[in-house]
Amino acid sequence: MTIQILLADDHPASLAGASMILNNAARGRLHVAACVDGTDALLLALQQRPFDLVVTDFFMPGGGRPMAWS
């Protein structure tokens, strides 16, 4: 079983670091999708696939708060 994770952060270094840590630790058991703003993350969450976990920056362009409440 693959765990689906959505990461959203407007700081590219934070996003890349979190993605790398998760992918390296999971050894293929995770699929990590990454977005740089709340609007893209929300669209991806609603359109593409069900995610088991969403990790979002609460204060970013496009807003992390709308994702938290969706």
C-alpha atoms as a PDB file:
ATOM      1  CA  MET A   1       0.000   0.000   0.000  1.00  0.00           C
ATOM      2  CA  THR A   2       1.305   3.413  -0.991  1.00  0.00           C
ATOM      3  CA  ILE A   3       0.568   6.344   1.293  1.00  0.00           C
ATOM      4  CA  GLN A   4      -0.410   9.500  -0.611  1.00  0.00           C
ATOM      5  CA  ILE A   5       0.977  12.746   0.864  1.00  0.00           C
ATOM      6  CA  LEU A   6       0.404  16.305  -0.335  1.00  0.00           C
ATOM      7  CA  LEU A   7       2.951  18.941   0.722  1.00  0.00           C
ATOM      8  CA  ALA A   8       2.270  22.650   0.221  1.00  0.00           C
ATOM      9  CA  ASP A   9       4.769  25.383   1.081  1.00  0.00           C
ATOM     10  CA  ASP A  10       5.745  28.642  -0.609  1.00  0.00           C
ATOM     11  CA  HIS A  11       9.409  28.240   0.424  1.00  0.00           C
ATOM     12  CA  PRO A  12      11.061  26.021  -2.207  1.00  0.00           C
ATOM     13  CA  ALA A  13      13.900  24.929   0.098  1.00  0.00           C
ATOM     14  CA  SER A  14      11.453  23.772   2.787  1.00  0.00           C
ATOM     15  CA  LEU A  15       9.327  21.966   0.221  1.00  0.00           C
ATOM     16  CA  ALA A  16      12.321  20.248  -1.368  1.00  0.00           C
ATOM     17  CA  GLY A  17      13.776  19.271   1.999  1.00  0.00           C
ATOM     18  CA  ALA A  18      10.535  17.802   3.320  1.00  0.00           C
ATOM     19  CA  SER A  19       9.964  15.909   0.063  1.00  0.00           C
ATOM     20  CA  MET A  20      13.494  14.498   0.127  1.00  0.00           C
ATOM     21  CA  ILE A  21      13.262  13.391   3.757  1.00  0.00           C
ATOM     22  CA  LEU A  22       9.913  11.679   3.215  1.00  0.00           C
ATOM     23  CA  ASN A  23      10.947   9.973  -0.013  1.00  0.00           C
ATOM     24  CA  ASN A  24      14.252   8.740   1.419  1.00  0.00           C
ATOM     25  CA  ALA A  25      12.699   7.449   4.635  1.00  0.00           C
ATOM     26  CA  ALA A  26       9.765   5.719   2.978  1.00  0.00           C
ATOM     27  CA  ARG A  27      11.671   3.488   0.546  1.00  0.00           C
ATOM     28  CA  GLY A  28       8.913   3.573  -2.050  1.00  0.00           C
ATOM     29  CA  ARG A  29       5.956   3.296   0.317  1.00  0.00           C
ATOM     30  CA  LEU A  30       5.011   6.970  -0.115  1.00  0.00           C
ATOM     31  CA  HIS A  31       3.919   9.084  -3.027  1.00  0.00           C
ATOM     32  CA  VAL A  32       4.659  12.742  -2.294  1.00  0.00           C
ATOM     33  CA  ALA A  33       3.022  15.490  -4.369  1.00  0.00           C
ATOM     34  CA  ALA A  34       4.336  19.021  -3.811  1.00  0.00           C
ATOM     35  CA  CYS A  35       2.793  22.445  -4.504  1.00  0.00           C
ATOM     36  CA  VAL A  36       4.166  25.959  -4.002  1.00  0.00           C
ATOM     37  CA  ASP A  37       0.892  27.702  -3.170  1.00  0.00           C
ATOM     38  CA  GLY A  38      -2.436  26.974  -1.570  1.00  0.00           C
ATOM     39  CA  THR A  39      -4.487  27.382  -4.732  1.00  0.00           C
ATOM     40  CA  ASP A  40      -2.545  24.701  -6.619  1.00  0.00           C
ATOM     41  CA  ALA A  41      -2.569  22.411  -3.593  1.00  0.00           C
ATOM     42  CA  LEU A  42      -6.314  22.731  -3.146  1.00  0.00           C
ATOM     43  CA  LEU A  43      -6.960  22.054  -6.836  1.00  0.00           C
ATOM     44  CA  LEU A  44      -4.684  19.033  -6.749  1.00  0.00           C
ATOM     45  CA  ALA A  45      -6.355  17.705  -3.613  1.00  0.00           C
ATOM     46  CA  LEU A  46      -9.808  18.088  -5.127  1.00  0.00           C
ATOM     47  CA  GLN A  47      -9.061  16.861  -8.651  1.00  0.00           C
ATOM     48  CA  GLN A  48      -6.223  14.403  -8.781  1.00  0.00           C
ATOM     49  CA  ARG A  49      -6.365  11.800  -6.035  1.00  0.00           C
ATOM     50  CA  PRO A  50      -7.335  11.166  -2.452  1.00  0.00           C
ATOM     51  CA  PHE A  51      -4.495  12.025  -0.093  1.00  0.00           C
ATOM     52  CA  ASP A  52      -3.913  10.235   3.192  1.00  0.00           C
ATOM     53  CA  LEU A  53      -2.063  13.209   4.657  1.00  0.00           C
ATOM     54  CA  VAL A  54      -1.869  16.911   3.771  1.00  0.00           C
ATOM     55  CA  VAL A  55       0.957  19.010   5.222  1.00  0.00           C
ATOM     56  CA  THR A  56       0.572  22.696   4.491  1.00  0.00           C
ATOM     57  CA  ASP A  57       2.110  26.014   5.394  1.00  0.00           C
ATOM     58  CA  PHE A  58      -0.780  27.845   7.045  1.00  0.00           C
ATOM     59  CA  PHE A  59       0.354  31.305   5.864  1.00  0.00           C
ATOM     60  CA  MET A  60       1.303  31.334   2.175  1.00  0.00           C
ATOM     61  CA  PRO A  61       0.136  32.801  -1.142  1.00  0.00           C
ATOM     62  CA  GLY A  62      -3.120  31.210  -2.130  1.00  0.00           C
ATOM     63  CA  GLY A  63      -3.649  30.383   1.518  1.00  0.00           C
ATOM     64  CA  GLY A  64      -3.069  27.281   3.549  1.00  0.00           C
ATOM     65  CA  ARG A  65      -6.117  28.031   5.659  1.00  0.00           C
ATOM     66  CA  PRO A  66      -8.690  27.210   2.940  1.00  0.00           C
ATOM     67  CA  MET A  67      -7.038  23.799   2.533  1.00  0.00           C
ATOM     68  CA  ALA A  68      -7.214  23.139   6.244  1.00  0.00           C
ATOM     69  CA  TRP A  69     -10.944  23.811   6.235  1.00  0.00           C
ATOM     70  CA  SER A  70     -11.755  21.856   3.023  1.00  0.00           C
END
